[in-house]
Amino acid sequence: NFASIAKAVREGRTVYDNLKKAILFLLPINGGESLSIIAAV
């Protein structure tokens, strides 16, 4: 079914977006922790 290809594209984009969201979530947190320590030192 050709419709399954379109659904697969949507799922692929969702996986890629979620990967970006995870990176975008973790790096600022670690960056905030690190900068707080560096600023204090």
PDB file of all heavy atoms in Angstrom:
ATOM      1  N   ASN A   1       0.845  -1.193   0.000  1.00  0.00           N
ATOM      2  CA  ASN A   1       0.000   0.000   0.000  1.00  0.00           C
ATOM      3  C   ASN A   1       0.882   1.245   0.000  1.00  0.00           C
ATOM      4  O   ASN A   1       1.714   1.423   0.899  1.00  0.00           O
ATOM      5  CB  ASN A   1      -0.912  -0.007   1.229  1.00  0.00           C
ATOM      6  CG  ASN A   1      -1.995   1.062   1.152  1.00  0.00           C
ATOM      7  OD1 ASN A   1      -1.904   2.003   0.376  1.00  0.00           O
ATOM      8  ND2 ASN A   1      -3.027   0.907   1.950  1.00  0.00           N
ATOM      9  N   PHE A   2       0.676   2.121  -0.998  1.00  0.00           N
ATOM     10  CA  PHE A   2       1.493   3.332  -1.082  1.00  0.00           C
ATOM     11  C   PHE A   2       1.324   4.206   0.151  1.00  0.00           C
ATOM     12  O   PHE A   2       2.259   4.910   0.559  1.00  0.00           O
ATOM     13  CB  PHE A   2       1.117   4.119  -2.340  1.00  0.00           C
ATOM     14  CG  PHE A   2       1.885   5.403  -2.497  1.00  0.00           C
ATOM     15  CD1 PHE A   2       3.180   5.409  -2.980  1.00  0.00           C
ATOM     16  CD2 PHE A   2       1.317   6.617  -2.140  1.00  0.00           C
ATOM     17  CE1 PHE A   2       3.894   6.588  -3.103  1.00  0.00           C
ATOM     18  CE2 PHE A   2       2.013   7.806  -2.264  1.00  0.00           C
ATOM     19  CZ  PHE A   2       3.312   7.789  -2.756  1.00  0.00           C
ATOM     20  N   ALA A   3       0.146   4.175   0.761  1.00  0.00           N
ATOM     21  CA  ALA A   3      -0.090   5.003   1.947  1.00  0.00           C
ATOM     22  C   ALA A   3       0.871   4.646   3.074  1.00  0.00           C
ATOM     23  O   ALA A   3       1.211   5.498   3.902  1.00  0.00           O
ATOM     24  CB  ALA A   3      -1.536   4.852   2.415  1.00  0.00           C
ATOM     25  N   SER A   4       1.323   3.393   3.099  1.00  0.00           N
ATOM     26  CA  SER A   4       2.265   2.977   4.141  1.00  0.00           C
ATOM     27  C   SER A   4       3.613   3.688   3.986  1.00  0.00           C
ATOM     28  O   SER A   4       4.316   3.916   4.977  1.00  0.00           O
ATOM     29  CB  SER A   4       2.473   1.461   4.095  1.00  0.00           C
ATOM     30  OG  SER A   4       1.256   0.789   4.369  1.00  0.00           O
ATOM     31  N   ILE A   5       3.969   4.043   2.752  1.00  0.00           N
ATOM     32  CA  ILE A   5       5.222   4.772   2.528  1.00  0.00           C
ATOM     33  C   ILE A   5       5.129   6.160   3.136  1.00  0.00           C
ATOM     34  O   ILE A   5       6.063   6.636   3.804  1.00  0.00           O
ATOM     35  CB  ILE A   5       5.531   4.845   1.025  1.00  0.00           C
ATOM     36  CG1 ILE A   5       5.701   3.439   0.444  1.00  0.00           C
ATOM     37  CG2 ILE A   5       6.783   5.683   0.773  1.00  0.00           C
ATOM     38  CD1 ILE A   5       5.940   3.417  -1.052  1.00  0.00           C
ATOM     39  N   ALA A   6       3.995   6.835   2.922  1.00  0.00           N
ATOM     40  CA  ALA A   6       3.799   8.160   3.512  1.00  0.00           C
ATOM     41  C   ALA A   6       3.825   8.089   5.037  1.00  0.00           C
ATOM     42  O   ALA A   6       4.397   8.958   5.709  1.00  0.00           O
ATOM     43  CB  ALA A   6       2.485   8.768   3.027  1.00  0.00           C
ATOM     44  N   LYS A   7       3.212   7.037   5.589  1.00  0.00           N
ATOM     45  CA  LYS A   7       3.231   6.863   7.042  1.00  0.00           C
ATOM     46  C   LYS A   7       4.654   6.627   7.541  1.00  0.00           C
ATOM     47  O   LYS A   7       5.035   7.107   8.613  1.00  0.00           O
ATOM     48  CB  LYS A   7       2.333   5.699   7.442  1.00  0.00           C
ATOM     49  CG  LYS A   7       0.845   5.941   7.210  1.00  0.00           C
ATOM     50  CD  LYS A   7       0.019   4.723   7.573  1.00  0.00           C
ATOM     51  CE  LYS A   7      -1.463   4.963   7.290  1.00  0.00           C
ATOM     52  NZ  LYS A   7      -2.283   3.749   7.595  1.00  0.00           N
ATOM     53  N   ALA A   8       5.444   5.889   6.771  1.00  0.00           N
ATOM     54  CA  ALA A   8       6.830   5.630   7.161  1.00  0.00           C
ATOM     55  C   ALA A   8       7.645   6.919   7.155  1.00  0.00           C
ATOM     56  O   ALA A   8       8.510   7.127   8.020  1.00  0.00           O
ATOM     57  CB  ALA A   8       7.456   4.604   6.207  1.00  0.00           C
ATOM     58  N   VAL A   9       7.372   7.797   6.187  1.00  0.00           N
ATOM     59  CA  VAL A   9       8.058   9.093   6.152  1.00  0.00           C
ATOM     60  C   VAL A   9       7.717   9.900   7.395  1.00  0.00           C
ATOM     61  O   VAL A   9       8.582  10.522   8.021  1.00  0.00           O
ATOM     62  CB  VAL A   9       7.671   9.866   4.874  1.00  0.00           C
ATOM     63  CG1 VAL A   9       8.221  11.288   4.921  1.00  0.00           C
ATOM     64  CG2 VAL A   9       8.190   9.152   3.631  1.00  0.00           C
ATOM     65  N   ARG A  10       6.430   9.900   7.763  1.00  0.00           N
ATOM     66  CA  ARG A  10       6.016  10.618   8.971  1.00  0.00           C
ATOM     67  C   ARG A  10       6.721  10.055  10.213  1.00  0.00           C
ATOM     68  O   ARG A  10       7.211  10.812  11.054  1.00  0.00           O
ATOM     69  CB  ARG A  10       4.500  10.522   9.147  1.00  0.00           C
ATOM     70  CG  ARG A  10       3.985  11.194  10.412  1.00  0.00           C
ATOM     71  CD  ARG A  10       2.495  10.955  10.582  1.00  0.00           C
ATOM     72  NE  ARG A  10       1.728  11.689   9.586  1.00  0.00           N
ATOM     73  CZ  ARG A  10       1.351  12.950   9.735  1.00  0.00           C
ATOM     74  NH1 ARG A  10       1.690  13.625  10.822  1.00  0.00           N
ATOM     75  NH2 ARG A  10       0.647  13.541   8.792  1.00  0.00           N
ATOM     76  N   GLU A  11       6.782   8.722  10.314  1.00  0.00           N
ATOM     77  CA  GLU A  11       7.443   8.106  11.462  1.00  0.00           C
ATOM     78  C   GLU A  11       8.934   8.435  11.480  1.00  0.00           C
ATOM     79  O   GLU A  11       9.512   8.698  12.536  1.00  0.00           O
ATOM     80  CB  GLU A  11       7.242   6.582  11.430  1.00  0.00           C
ATOM     81  CG  GLU A  11       5.839   6.127  11.751  1.00  0.00           C
ATOM     82  CD  GLU A  11       5.386   6.538  13.131  1.00  0.00           C
ATOM     83  OE1 GLU A  11       6.207   6.455  14.078  1.00  0.00           O
ATOM     84  OE2 GLU A  11       4.224   6.972  13.274  1.00  0.00           O
ATOM     85  N   GLY A  12       9.549   8.429  10.292  1.00  0.00           N
ATOM     86  CA  GLY A  12      10.969   8.767  10.214  1.00  0.00           C
ATOM     87  C   GLY A  12      11.238  10.188  10.664  1.00  0.00           C
ATOM     88  O   GLY A  12      12.209  10.460  11.385  1.00  0.00           O
ATOM     89  N   ARG A  13      10.378  11.104  10.254  1.00  0.00           N
ATOM     90  CA  ARG A  13      10.541  12.495  10.673  1.00  0.00           C
ATOM     91  C   ARG A  13      10.308  12.644  12.176  1.00  0.00           C
ATOM     92  O   ARG A  13      10.964  13.446  12.842  1.00  0.00           O
ATOM     93  CB  ARG A  13       9.574  13.391   9.893  1.00  0.00           C
ATOM     94  CG  ARG A  13       9.926  13.507   8.420  1.00  0.00           C
ATOM     95  CD  ARG A  13       9.071  14.540   7.711  1.00  0.00           C
ATOM     96  NE  ARG A  13       9.533  14.743   6.340  1.00  0.00           N
ATOM     97  CZ  ARG A  13       9.112  15.730   5.552  1.00  0.00           C
ATOM     98  NH1 ARG A  13       8.199  16.582   5.990  1.00  0.00           N
ATOM     99  NH2 ARG A  13       9.575  15.858   4.335  1.00  0.00           N
ATOM    100  N   THR A  14       9.377  11.865  12.702  1.00  0.00           N
ATOM    101  CA  THR A  14       9.114  11.912  14.146  1.00  0.00           C
ATOM    102  C   THR A  14      10.323  11.430  14.932  1.00  0.00           C
ATOM    103  O   THR A  14      10.717  12.051  15.932  1.00  0.00           O
ATOM    104  CB  THR A  14       7.889  11.046  14.492  1.00  0.00           C
ATOM    105  OG1 THR A  14       6.735  11.572  13.825  1.00  0.00           O
ATOM    106  CG2 THR A  14       7.636  11.039  15.980  1.00  0.00           C
ATOM    107  N   VAL A  15      10.934  10.331  14.482  1.00  0.00           N
ATOM    108  CA  VAL A  15      12.125   9.806  15.162  1.00  0.00           C
ATOM    109  C   VAL A  15      13.253  10.827  15.129  1.00  0.00           C
ATOM    110  O   VAL A  15      13.932  11.073  16.142  1.00  0.00           O
ATOM    111  CB  VAL A  15      12.575   8.481  14.520  1.00  0.00           C
ATOM    112  CG1 VAL A  15      13.934   8.044  15.065  1.00  0.00           C
ATOM    113  CG2 VAL A  15      11.533   7.397  14.766  1.00  0.00           C
ATOM    114  N   TYR A  16      13.462  11.444  13.966  1.00  0.00           N
ATOM    115  CA  TYR A  16      14.539  12.436  13.838  1.00  0.00           C
ATOM    116  C   TYR A  16      14.258  13.646  14.728  1.00  0.00           C
ATOM    117  O   TYR A  16      15.170  14.157  15.406  1.00  0.00           O
ATOM    118  CB  TYR A  16      14.666  12.858  12.378  1.00  0.00           C
ATOM    119  CG  TYR A  16      15.810  13.807  12.118  1.00  0.00           C
ATOM    120  CD1 TYR A  16      17.114  13.326  12.005  1.00  0.00           C
ATOM    121  CD2 TYR A  16      15.595  15.170  11.974  1.00  0.00           C
ATOM    122  CE1 TYR A  16      18.171  14.188  11.763  1.00  0.00           C
ATOM    123  CE2 TYR A  16      16.646  16.042  11.733  1.00  0.00           C
ATOM    124  CZ  TYR A  16      17.935  15.548  11.626  1.00  0.00           C
ATOM    125  OH  TYR A  16      18.971  16.401  11.389  1.00  0.00           O
ATOM    126  N   ASP A  17      13.008  14.120  14.729  1.00  0.00           N
ATOM    127  CA  ASP A  17      12.651  15.262  15.580  1.00  0.00           C
ATOM    128  C   ASP A  17      12.833  14.935  17.051  1.00  0.00           C
ATOM    129  O   ASP A  17      13.311  15.767  17.834  1.00  0.00           O
ATOM    130  CB  ASP A  17      11.204  15.684  15.322  1.00  0.00           C
ATOM    131  CG  ASP A  17      11.040  16.437  14.011  1.00  0.00           C
ATOM    132  OD1 ASP A  17      12.059  16.880  13.449  1.00  0.00           O
ATOM    133  OD2 ASP A  17       9.896  16.577  13.542  1.00  0.00           O
ATOM    134  N   ASN A  18      12.453  13.730  17.456  1.00  0.00           N
ATOM    135  CA  ASN A  18      12.598  13.343  18.861  1.00  0.00           C
ATOM    136  C   ASN A  18      14.062  13.249  19.263  1.00  0.00           C
ATOM    137  O   ASN A  18      14.427  13.555  20.407  1.00  0.00           O
ATOM    138  CB  ASN A  18      11.893  12.003  19.117  1.00  0.00           C
ATOM    139  CG  ASN A  18      10.385  12.140  19.091  1.00  0.00           C
ATOM    140  OD1 ASN A  18       9.838  13.250  19.103  1.00  0.00           O
ATOM    141  ND2 ASN A  18       9.681  11.024  19.050  1.00  0.00           N
ATOM    142  N   LEU A  19      14.903  12.818  18.327  1.00  0.00           N
ATOM    143  CA  LEU A  19      16.346  12.797  18.600  1.00  0.00           C
ATOM    144  C   LEU A  19      16.860  14.211  18.816  1.00  0.00           C
ATOM    145  O   LEU A  19      17.636  14.474  19.748  1.00  0.00           O
ATOM    146  CB  LEU A  19      17.084  12.118  17.445  1.00  0.00           C
ATOM    147  CG  LEU A  19      18.612  12.030  17.570  1.00  0.00           C
ATOM    148  CD1 LEU A  19      19.007  11.245  18.817  1.00  0.00           C
ATOM    149  CD2 LEU A  19      19.207  11.389  16.327  1.00  0.00           C
ATOM    150  N   LYS A  20      16.413  15.150  17.967  1.00  0.00           N
ATOM    151  CA  LYS A  20      16.816  16.549  18.145  1.00  0.00           C
ATOM    152  C   LYS A  20      16.305  17.103  19.472  1.00  0.00           C
ATOM    153  O   LYS A  20      16.996  17.863  20.150  1.00  0.00           O
ATOM    154  CB  LYS A  20      16.292  17.399  16.980  1.00  0.00           C
ATOM    155  CG  LYS A  20      17.038  17.219  15.691  1.00  0.00           C
ATOM    156  CD  LYS A  20      16.871  18.415  14.769  1.00  0.00           C
ATOM    157  CE  LYS A  20      15.426  18.672  14.428  1.00  0.00           C
ATOM    158  NZ  LYS A  20      15.296  19.775  13.425  1.00  0.00           N
ATOM    159  N   LYS A  21      15.073  16.740  19.835  1.00  0.00           N
ATOM    160  CA  LYS A  21      14.513  17.222  21.100  1.00  0.00           C
ATOM    161  C   LYS A  21      15.324  16.713  22.287  1.00  0.00           C
ATOM    162  O   LYS A  21      15.563  17.456  23.246  1.00  0.00           O
ATOM    163  CB  LYS A  21      13.053  16.765  21.216  1.00  0.00           C
ATOM    164  CG  LYS A  21      12.105  17.435  20.238  1.00  0.00           C
ATOM    165  CD  LYS A  21      10.716  16.830  20.311  1.00  0.00           C
ATOM    166  CE  LYS A  21       9.791  17.428  19.269  1.00  0.00           C
ATOM    167  NZ  LYS A  21       8.444  16.813  19.284  1.00  0.00           N
ATOM    168  N   ALA A  22      15.738  15.452  22.232  1.00  0.00           N
ATOM    169  CA  ALA A  22      16.532  14.902  23.331  1.00  0.00           C
ATOM    170  C   ALA A  22      17.869  15.625  23.462  1.00  0.00           C
ATOM    171  O   ALA A  22      18.315  15.944  24.574  1.00  0.00           O
ATOM    172  CB  ALA A  22      16.752  13.403  23.112  1.00  0.00           C
ATOM    173  N   ILE A  23      18.510  15.886  22.321  1.00  0.00           N
ATOM    174  CA  ILE A  23      19.774  16.641  22.337  1.00  0.00           C
ATOM    175  C   ILE A  23      19.539  18.045  22.852  1.00  0.00           C
ATOM    176  O   ILE A  23      20.302  18.569  23.677  1.00  0.00           O
ATOM    177  CB  ILE A  23      20.393  16.661  20.931  1.00  0.00           C
ATOM    178  CG1 ILE A  23      20.819  15.253  20.513  1.00  0.00           C
ATOM    179  CG2 ILE A  23      21.578  17.612  20.872  1.00  0.00           C
ATOM    180  CD1 ILE A  23      21.300  15.159  19.087  1.00  0.00           C
ATOM    181  N   LEU A  24      18.472  18.659  22.355  1.00  0.00           N
ATOM    182  CA  LEU A  24      18.149  20.023  22.746  1.00  0.00           C
ATOM    183  C   LEU A  24      17.745  20.108  24.220  1.00  0.00           C
ATOM    184  O   LEU A  24      17.812  21.178  24.826  1.00  0.00           O
ATOM    185  CB  LEU A  24      17.005  20.545  21.870  1.00  0.00           C
ATOM    186  CG  LEU A  24      16.825  22.053  21.745  1.00  0.00           C
ATOM    187  CD1 LEU A  24      18.104  22.705  21.262  1.00  0.00           C
ATOM    188  CD2 LEU A  24      15.698  22.371  20.781  1.00  0.00           C
ATOM    189  N   PHE A  25      17.338  18.994  24.786  1.00  0.00           N
ATOM    190  CA  PHE A  25      16.974  18.979  26.204  1.00  0.00           C
ATOM    191  C   PHE A  25      18.197  18.750  27.095  1.00  0.00           C
ATOM    192  O   PHE A  25      18.386  19.448  28.095  1.00  0.00           O
ATOM    193  CB  PHE A  25      15.941  17.874  26.448  1.00  0.00           C
ATOM    194  CG  PHE A  25      15.523  17.740  27.889  1.00  0.00           C
ATOM    195  CD1 PHE A  25      14.637  18.631  28.453  1.00  0.00           C
ATOM    196  CD2 PHE A  25      16.021  16.713  28.676  1.00  0.00           C
ATOM    197  CE1 PHE A  25      14.249  18.518  29.788  1.00  0.00           C
ATOM    198  CE2 PHE A  25      15.649  16.579  30.003  1.00  0.00           C
ATOM    199  CZ  PHE A  25      14.756  17.490  30.557  1.00  0.00           C
ATOM    200  N   LEU A  26      19.043  17.803  26.725  1.00  0.00           N
ATOM    201  CA  LEU A  26      20.153  17.418  27.591  1.00  0.00           C
ATOM    202  C   LEU A  26      21.309  18.420  27.581  1.00  0.00           C
ATOM    203  O   LEU A  26      21.867  18.742  28.636  1.00  0.00           O
ATOM    204  CB  LEU A  26      20.670  16.034  27.201  1.00  0.00           C
ATOM    205  CG  LEU A  26      19.774  14.846  27.571  1.00  0.00           C
ATOM    206  CD1 LEU A  26      20.312  13.558  26.965  1.00  0.00           C
ATOM    207  CD2 LEU A  26      19.670  14.714  29.085  1.00  0.00           C
ATOM    208  N   LEU A  27      21.667  18.908  26.399  1.00  0.00           N
ATOM    209  CA  LEU A  27      22.846  19.771  26.314  1.00  0.00           C
ATOM    210  C   LEU A  27      22.698  21.081  27.093  1.00  0.00           C
ATOM    211  O   LEU A  27      23.631  21.483  27.789  1.00  0.00           O
ATOM    212  CB  LEU A  27      23.189  20.048  24.843  1.00  0.00           C
ATOM    213  CG  LEU A  27      23.729  18.849  24.050  1.00  0.00           C
ATOM    214  CD1 LEU A  27      24.176  19.283  22.660  1.00  0.00           C
ATOM    215  CD2 LEU A  27      24.896  18.199  24.791  1.00  0.00           C
ATOM    216  N   PRO A  28      21.556  21.788  27.006  1.00  0.00           N
ATOM    217  CA  PRO A  28      21.439  23.010  27.816  1.00  0.00           C
ATOM    218  C   PRO A  28      21.487  22.749  29.324  1.00  0.00           C
ATOM    219  O   PRO A  28      22.026  23.569  30.081  1.00  0.00           O
ATOM    220  CB  PRO A  28      20.074  23.570  27.403  1.00  0.00           C
ATOM    221  CG  PRO A  28      19.801  22.986  26.081  1.00  0.00           C
ATOM    222  CD  PRO A  28      20.405  21.628  26.121  1.00  0.00           C
ATOM    223  N   ILE A  29      20.923  21.623  29.757  1.00  0.00           N
ATOM    224  CA  ILE A  29      20.959  21.301  31.184  1.00  0.00           C
ATOM    225  C   ILE A  29      22.399  21.092  31.631  1.00  0.00           C
ATOM    226  O   ILE A  29      22.852  21.659  32.642  1.00  0.00           O
ATOM    227  CB  ILE A  29      20.117  20.043  31.469  1.00  0.00           C
ATOM    228  CG1 ILE A  29      18.646  20.339  31.213  1.00  0.00           C
ATOM    229  CG2 ILE A  29      20.321  19.567  32.904  1.00  0.00           C
ATOM    230  CD1 ILE A  29      17.754  19.121  31.293  1.00  0.00           C
ATOM    231  N   ASN A  30      23.128  20.278  30.869  1.00  0.00           N
ATOM    232  CA  ASN A  30      24.535  20.059  31.197  1.00  0.00           C
ATOM    233  C   ASN A  30      25.338  21.344  31.067  1.00  0.00           C
ATOM    234  O   ASN A  30      26.259  21.601  31.859  1.00  0.00           O
ATOM    235  CB  ASN A  30      25.127  18.978  30.302  1.00  0.00           C
ATOM    236  CG  ASN A  30      24.510  17.612  30.564  1.00  0.00           C
ATOM    237  OD1 ASN A  30      24.104  17.319  31.676  1.00  0.00           O
ATOM    238  ND2 ASN A  30      24.419  16.780  29.530  1.00  0.00           N
ATOM    239  N   GLY A  31      24.966  22.143  30.050  1.00  0.00           N
ATOM    240  CA  GLY A  31      25.649  23.425  29.882  1.00  0.00           C
ATOM    241  C   GLY A  31      25.392  24.356  31.046  1.00  0.00           C
ATOM    242  O   GLY A  31      26.302  25.045  31.521  1.00  0.00           O
ATOM    243  N   GLY A  32      24.140  24.381  31.527  1.00  0.00           N
ATOM    244  CA  GLY A  32      23.814  25.231  32.670  1.00  0.00           C
ATOM    245  C   GLY A  32      24.546  24.800  33.921  1.00  0.00           C
ATOM    246  O   GLY A  32      25.056  25.633  34.692  1.00  0.00           O
ATOM    247  N   GLU A  33      24.617  23.476  34.143  1.00  0.00           N
ATOM    248  CA  GLU A  33      25.345  22.967  35.308  1.00  0.00           C
ATOM    249  C   GLU A  33      26.826  23.347  35.217  1.00  0.00           C
ATOM    250  O   GLU A  33      27.425  23.834  36.197  1.00  0.00           O
ATOM    251  CB  GLU A  33      25.204  21.454  35.385  1.00  0.00           C
ATOM    252  CG  GLU A  33      23.791  20.972  35.656  1.00  0.00           C
ATOM    253  CD  GLU A  33      23.668  19.463  35.511  1.00  0.00           C
ATOM    254  OE1 GLU A  33      24.666  18.837  35.081  1.00  0.00           O
ATOM    255  OE2 GLU A  33      22.595  18.911  35.802  1.00  0.00           O
ATOM    256  N   SER A  34      27.417  23.110  34.050  1.00  0.00           N
ATOM    257  CA  SER A  34      28.849  23.372  33.875  1.00  0.00           C
ATOM    258  C   SER A  34      29.172  24.846  34.029  1.00  0.00           C
ATOM    259  O   SER A  34      30.138  25.218  34.716  1.00  0.00           O
ATOM    260  CB  SER A  34      29.310  22.873  32.498  1.00  0.00           C
ATOM    261  OG  SER A  34      29.025  21.506  32.339  1.00  0.00           O
ATOM    262  N   LEU A  35      28.362  25.694  33.386  1.00  0.00           N
ATOM    263  CA  LEU A  35      28.625  27.135  33.460  1.00  0.00           C
ATOM    264  C   LEU A  35      28.456  27.665  34.876  1.00  0.00           C
ATOM    265  O   LEU A  35      29.174  28.593  35.285  1.00  0.00           O
ATOM    266  CB  LEU A  35      27.695  27.877  32.497  1.00  0.00           C
ATOM    267  CG  LEU A  35      27.975  27.663  31.000  1.00  0.00           C
ATOM    268  CD1 LEU A  35      26.920  28.363  30.153  1.00  0.00           C
ATOM    269  CD2 LEU A  35      29.359  28.191  30.643  1.00  0.00           C
ATOM    270  N   SER A  36      27.512  27.093  35.629  1.00  0.00           N
ATOM    271  CA  SER A  36      27.333  27.526  37.021  1.00  0.00           C
ATOM    272  C   SER A  36      28.584  27.216  37.840  1.00  0.00           C
ATOM    273  O   SER A  36      29.049  28.041  38.647  1.00  0.00           O
ATOM    274  CB  SER A  36      26.118  26.827  37.637  1.00  0.00           C
ATOM    275  OG  SER A  36      24.939  27.180  36.966  1.00  0.00           O
ATOM    276  N   ILE A  37      29.137  26.016  37.620  1.00  0.00           N
ATOM    277  CA  ILE A  37      30.356  25.632  38.341  1.00  0.00           C
ATOM    278  C   ILE A  37      31.530  26.506  37.899  1.00  0.00           C
ATOM    279  O   ILE A  37      32.321  27.008  38.728  1.00  0.00           O
ATOM    280  CB  ILE A  37      30.679  24.151  38.112  1.00  0.00           C
ATOM    281  CG1 ILE A  37      29.526  23.261  38.581  1.00  0.00           C
ATOM    282  CG2 ILE A  37      31.976  23.767  38.807  1.00  0.00           C
ATOM    283  CD1 ILE A  37      29.199  23.386  40.034  1.00  0.00           C
ATOM    284  N   ILE A  38      31.656  26.694  36.571  1.00  0.00           N
ATOM    285  CA  ILE A  38      32.774  27.484  36.042  1.00  0.00           C
ATOM    286  C   ILE A  38      32.693  28.922  36.544  1.00  0.00           C
ATOM    287  O   ILE A  38      33.702  29.525  36.936  1.00  0.00           O
ATOM    288  CB  ILE A  38      32.760  27.456  34.502  1.00  0.00           C
ATOM    289  CG1 ILE A  38      33.092  26.047  34.015  1.00  0.00           C
ATOM    290  CG2 ILE A  38      33.745  28.466  33.927  1.00  0.00           C
ATOM    291  CD1 ILE A  38      32.924  25.868  32.521  1.00  0.00           C
ATOM    292  N   ALA A  39      31.483  29.498  36.546  1.00  0.00           N
ATOM    293  CA  ALA A  39      31.317  30.879  37.022  1.00  0.00           C
ATOM    294  C   ALA A  39      31.710  31.005  38.482  1.00  0.00           C
ATOM    295  O   ALA A  39      32.370  31.974  38.889  1.00  0.00           O
ATOM    296  CB  ALA A  39      29.864  31.314  36.825  1.00  0.00           C
ATOM    297  N   ALA A  40      31.329  30.006  39.306  1.00  0.00           N
ATOM    298  CA  ALA A  40      31.675  30.059  40.728  1.00  0.00           C
ATOM    299  C   ALA A  40      33.189  29.939  40.934  1.00  0.00           C
ATOM    300  O   ALA A  40      33.780  30.657  41.753  1.00  0.00           O
ATOM    301  CB  ALA A  40      30.953  28.936  41.468  1.00  0.00           C
ATOM    302  N   VAL A  41      33.835  29.035  40.185  1.00  0.00           N
ATOM    303  CA  VAL A  41      35.284  28.846  40.320  1.00  0.00           C
ATOM    304  C   VAL A  41      36.035  30.090  39.876  1.00  0.00           C
ATOM    305  O   VAL A  41      36.966  30.559  40.546  1.00  0.00           O
ATOM    306  CB  VAL A  41      35.731  27.618  39.499  1.00  0.00           C
ATOM    307  CG1 VAL A  41      37.249  27.528  39.455  1.00  0.00           C
ATOM    308  CG2 VAL A  41      35.137  26.339  40.096  1.00  0.00           C
TER     309      VAL A  41
END
